[in-house]
Amino acid sequence: MAASRAEKILQTLRETFALPKWAVPRRNPFETLIVTIISQNTAGRNTAKAFENLSKKFRITPEALANAEISQIEKCLNVAGLYRNKSKIIKQISKIIHEKFHDDLKPILSLSFEEARRTLLELPGIGPKTADVVLLFCAEKPTVPVDTHVNRVAKRLGLAPANGNYEMVRESLQSLYDAKDYLVLHVLLIQLGRSYCKSRNPLCKQCAVNMLCPSKQLWDNND
């Protein structure tokens, strides 16, 4: 029954939302890594602006960013949240990838999922979500990144335990869906979270999956 409802939710989301342009596998894992670091605690518009600023100032390569002045990186990222810390992390990671991995993340991504994930998590400032984004989008590894939207929506829809941590939510989603759907699932749950299943005052009456949502009654008076 749970799998059947889960599949109905995914099908409804496919019919409701058009996939955004960014919802495709990506060829440049280092750029994806940098964008994902910038995106932490930052709105999409500011993430895009910060990455644009960085791209105009530097080539987005490990060598270029490893040799960049930290103050110059900070100027590029100052529209993003926690930009000073992110600038420090980007320079540190770039230096490691340049010196230890010879500017190339592909050998890491060619490892098994578990080995590749462990190696990425050993880099400074890289948490599970950032590692999973790179693994899913750049290597098509079988994982579902859990950002704040995915976490909130999955729990409200009853697709993951209400008190589940990152790994519990990720593993719950992966147990309900085929690996071939992980990328689309990740993107569509984000779309739902941004459009209707908001953190505060979710728009349940307008939501396409409200009849499949066990949390709907908790929010019926909000919209």
Protein backbone atom coordinates (compact mmCIF):
# COMPACT_ATOMS: atom_id res chain seq x y z
CA MET A 1 0.00 0.00 0.00
CA ALA A 2 2.81 2.43 0.90
CA ALA A 3 4.59 1.75 -2.38
CA SER A 4 1.37 2.22 -4.34
CA ARG A 5 0.65 5.59 -2.69
CA ALA A 6 4.24 6.64 -3.19
CA GLU A 7 4.00 5.86 -6.89
CA LYS A 8 0.74 7.82 -7.18
CA ILE A 9 2.42 10.80 -5.54
CA LEU A 10 5.31 10.71 -8.00
CA GLN A 11 2.99 10.32 -10.98
CA THR A 12 0.87 13.26 -9.85
CA LEU A 13 3.95 15.42 -9.37
CA ARG A 14 5.14 14.50 -12.87
CA GLU A 15 1.80 15.67 -14.24
CA THR A 16 1.79 18.86 -12.16
CA PHE A 17 5.27 20.29 -12.59
CA ALA A 18 7.44 20.86 -15.61
CA LEU A 19 11.02 19.89 -14.84
CA PRO A 20 13.28 22.96 -14.59
CA LYS A 21 16.29 23.38 -16.83
CA TRP A 22 18.69 22.40 -14.05
CA ALA A 23 17.02 19.01 -13.57
CA VAL A 24 19.41 17.15 -15.82
CA PRO A 25 22.63 15.17 -15.31
CA ARG A 26 25.64 17.50 -15.31
CA ARG A 27 28.99 17.03 -16.96
CA ASN A 28 31.20 19.15 -14.74
CA PRO A 29 31.36 17.75 -11.20
CA PHE A 30 33.64 20.49 -9.87
CA GLU A 31 31.26 23.25 -10.96
CA THR A 32 28.38 21.28 -9.46
CA LEU A 33 30.30 20.95 -6.21
CA ILE A 34 30.97 24.68 -6.06
CA VAL A 35 27.36 25.62 -6.85
CA THR A 36 26.08 23.23 -4.21
CA ILE A 37 28.40 24.66 -1.57
CA ILE A 38 27.20 28.17 -2.44
CA SER A 39 23.55 27.07 -2.29
CA GLN A 40 23.70 26.05 1.37
CA ASN A 41 21.34 28.30 3.37
CA THR A 42 20.92 30.49 0.30
CA ALA A 43 17.97 31.16 -2.00
CA GLY A 44 18.23 29.97 -5.58
CA ARG A 45 18.40 33.47 -7.05
CA ASN A 46 21.28 34.49 -4.79
CA THR A 47 23.06 31.21 -5.46
CA ALA A 48 22.89 31.86 -9.20
CA LYS A 49 24.12 35.44 -8.77
CA ALA A 50 27.03 34.42 -6.55
CA PHE A 51 28.13 31.71 -8.98
CA GLU A 52 27.82 34.16 -11.87
CA ASN A 53 30.03 36.64 -10.00
CA LEU A 54 32.59 33.92 -9.30
CA SER A 55 32.56 32.75 -12.91
CA LYS A 56 33.20 36.25 -14.20
CA LYS A 57 36.17 36.72 -11.88
CA PHE A 58 37.77 33.25 -12.10
CA ARG A 59 37.85 30.14 -14.19
CA ILE A 60 35.88 27.58 -12.22
CA THR A 61 38.70 25.08 -11.87
CA PRO A 62 40.43 23.68 -8.80
CA GLU A 63 43.72 25.31 -9.75
CA ALA A 64 42.25 28.77 -10.31
CA LEU A 65 40.23 28.82 -7.10
CA ALA A 66 43.04 27.27 -5.07
CA ASN A 67 45.26 30.18 -6.07
CA ALA A 68 42.59 32.87 -5.69
CA GLU A 69 42.76 35.45 -2.92
CA ILE A 70 40.18 34.62 -0.28
CA SER A 71 39.05 38.25 -0.21
CA GLN A 72 38.29 38.12 -3.94
CA ILE A 73 36.21 34.97 -3.53
CA GLU A 74 34.33 36.66 -0.68
CA LYS A 75 33.49 39.65 -2.88
CA CYS A 76 31.98 37.31 -5.45
CA LEU A 77 29.93 35.39 -2.90
CA ASN A 78 28.74 38.22 -0.68
CA VAL A 79 25.14 37.89 -1.92
CA ALA A 80 25.07 34.34 -0.52
CA GLY A 81 24.51 33.33 3.09
CA LEU A 82 27.57 32.52 5.20
CA TYR A 83 29.74 33.71 2.33
CA ARG A 84 32.95 34.09 4.35
CA ASN A 85 32.84 30.49 5.55
CA LYS A 86 31.90 29.25 2.08
CA SER A 87 34.78 31.18 0.52
CA LYS A 88 37.20 29.52 2.93
CA ILE A 89 35.77 26.08 2.19
CA ILE A 90 35.88 26.60 -1.57
CA LYS A 91 39.54 27.60 -1.44
CA GLN A 92 40.44 24.65 0.83
CA ILE A 93 38.59 22.11 -1.30
CA SER A 94 40.01 23.51 -4.51
CA LYS A 95 43.54 23.20 -3.11
CA ILE A 96 42.96 19.56 -2.11
CA ILE A 97 41.41 18.62 -5.45
CA HIS A 98 44.21 20.41 -7.31
CA GLU A 99 47.07 18.86 -5.32
CA LYS A 100 45.72 15.44 -4.35
CA PHE A 101 43.39 14.61 -7.25
CA HIS A 102 45.14 16.55 -10.04
CA ASP A 103 42.14 18.80 -10.74
CA ASP A 104 39.86 15.88 -11.55
CA LEU A 105 36.92 14.53 -9.56
CA LYS A 106 36.06 11.87 -12.12
CA PRO A 107 38.29 9.18 -10.59
CA ILE A 108 36.38 9.63 -7.33
CA LEU A 109 33.03 9.44 -9.08
CA SER A 110 34.05 6.26 -10.87
CA LEU A 111 34.34 4.45 -7.54
CA SER A 112 31.47 2.50 -6.05
CA PHE A 113 28.75 4.66 -4.53
CA GLU A 114 29.87 3.93 -0.98
CA GLU A 115 33.56 4.62 -1.68
CA ALA A 116 32.86 7.76 -3.70
CA ARG A 117 30.52 9.13 -1.05
CA ARG A 118 33.00 8.42 1.74
CA THR A 119 35.79 10.16 -0.20
CA LEU A 120 33.68 13.26 -0.86
CA LEU A 121 32.60 13.43 2.78
CA GLU A 122 36.25 13.55 3.81
CA LEU A 123 36.63 16.90 2.05
CA PRO A 124 36.29 19.95 4.34
CA GLY A 125 32.81 21.44 4.52
CA ILE A 126 31.16 18.67 2.50
CA GLY A 127 28.12 17.12 4.12
CA PRO A 128 25.82 14.34 2.94
CA LYS A 129 23.55 16.56 0.85
CA THR A 130 26.39 18.14 -1.11
CA ALA A 131 28.03 14.77 -1.68
CA ASP A 132 24.76 13.22 -2.79
CA VAL A 133 24.01 16.05 -5.23
CA VAL A 134 27.37 15.57 -6.94
CA LEU A 135 26.97 11.77 -6.99
CA LEU A 136 23.43 11.87 -8.38
CA PHE A 137 23.75 14.66 -10.93
CA CYS A 138 27.31 14.06 -12.12
CA ALA A 139 27.72 10.29 -11.82
CA GLU A 140 24.10 9.07 -11.77
CA LYS A 141 24.79 7.20 -8.54
CA PRO A 142 21.76 5.74 -6.72
CA THR A 143 21.05 8.34 -4.04
CA VAL A 144 18.41 10.93 -3.18
CA PRO A 145 19.85 14.20 -1.85
CA VAL A 146 17.77 15.51 1.05
CA ASP A 147 17.65 19.30 1.21
CA THR A 148 15.28 21.25 3.46
CA HIS A 149 12.40 20.97 0.96
CA VAL A 150 12.83 17.24 0.40
CA ASN A 151 13.08 16.65 4.14
CA ARG A 152 9.93 18.62 4.94
CA VAL A 153 7.80 17.34 2.07
CA ALA A 154 8.80 13.68 2.46
CA LYS A 155 7.85 13.74 6.13
CA ARG A 156 4.54 15.53 5.58
CA LEU A 157 3.61 13.09 2.82
CA GLY A 158 4.43 10.16 5.08
CA LEU A 159 7.21 8.99 2.77
CA ALA A 160 9.75 9.19 5.61
CA PRO A 161 9.62 9.01 9.41
CA ALA A 162 8.52 12.28 11.00
CA ASN A 163 11.53 12.27 13.32
CA GLY A 164 13.96 10.82 10.78
CA ASN A 165 17.46 12.20 10.34
CA TYR A 166 19.11 12.75 6.96
CA GLU A 167 20.03 9.13 6.36
CA MET A 168 16.64 7.82 7.47
CA VAL A 169 14.82 10.13 5.07
CA ARG A 170 17.17 9.28 2.21
CA GLU A 171 16.90 5.54 2.78
CA SER A 172 13.12 5.69 3.17
CA LEU A 173 12.70 7.45 -0.16
CA GLN A 174 15.10 5.07 -1.87
CA SER A 175 13.18 2.08 -0.54
CA LEU A 176 9.95 3.36 -2.09
CA TYR A 177 11.22 4.31 -5.56
CA ASP A 178 13.32 2.85 -8.34
CA ALA A 179 16.83 4.21 -8.73
CA LYS A 180 15.99 5.46 -12.23
CA ASP A 181 13.51 7.89 -10.62
CA TYR A 182 15.76 9.30 -7.90
CA LEU A 183 16.79 12.45 -9.78
CA VAL A 184 13.26 13.29 -10.87
CA LEU A 185 11.91 12.53 -7.39
CA HIS A 186 14.48 14.85 -5.80
CA VAL A 187 13.63 17.68 -8.19
CA LEU A 188 9.85 17.27 -7.96
CA LEU A 189 9.82 17.21 -4.16
CA ILE A 190 11.79 20.46 -4.23
CA GLN A 191 9.27 21.92 -6.69
CA LEU A 192 6.39 20.90 -4.43
CA GLY A 193 8.11 22.37 -1.38
CA ARG A 194 8.78 25.68 -3.08
CA SER A 195 5.35 26.03 -4.66
CA TYR A 196 2.84 24.58 -2.17
CA CYS A 197 4.27 22.61 0.74
CA LYS A 198 5.95 25.63 2.25
CA SER A 199 7.54 25.59 5.67
CA ARG A 200 4.97 28.03 7.02
CA ASN A 201 1.40 28.22 5.82
CA PRO A 202 1.48 25.42 3.24
CA LEU A 203 -1.11 25.78 0.46
CA CYS A 204 -2.78 22.44 1.00
CA LYS A 205 -6.07 23.21 -0.77
CA GLN A 206 -4.18 24.08 -3.95
CA CYS A 207 -1.76 21.16 -3.75
CA ALA A 208 -2.17 18.45 -6.38
CA VAL A 209 -1.28 15.66 -3.97
CA ASN A 210 -3.44 16.81 -1.05
CA MET A 211 -5.69 13.75 -1.29
CA LEU A 212 -2.63 11.55 -0.83
CA CYS A 213 -1.21 13.55 2.06
CA PRO A 214 -1.76 12.38 5.66
CA SER A 215 -0.74 15.82 6.97
CA LYS A 216 -3.34 17.81 5.03
CA GLN A 217 -5.81 18.02 7.92
CA LEU A 218 -3.18 19.66 10.12
CA TRP A 219 -2.98 22.64 7.78
CA ASP A 220 -6.54 22.89 6.39
CA ASN A 221 -7.20 26.27 8.00
CA ASN A 222 -4.05 27.90 6.67
CA ASP A 223 -5.15 28.53 3.10
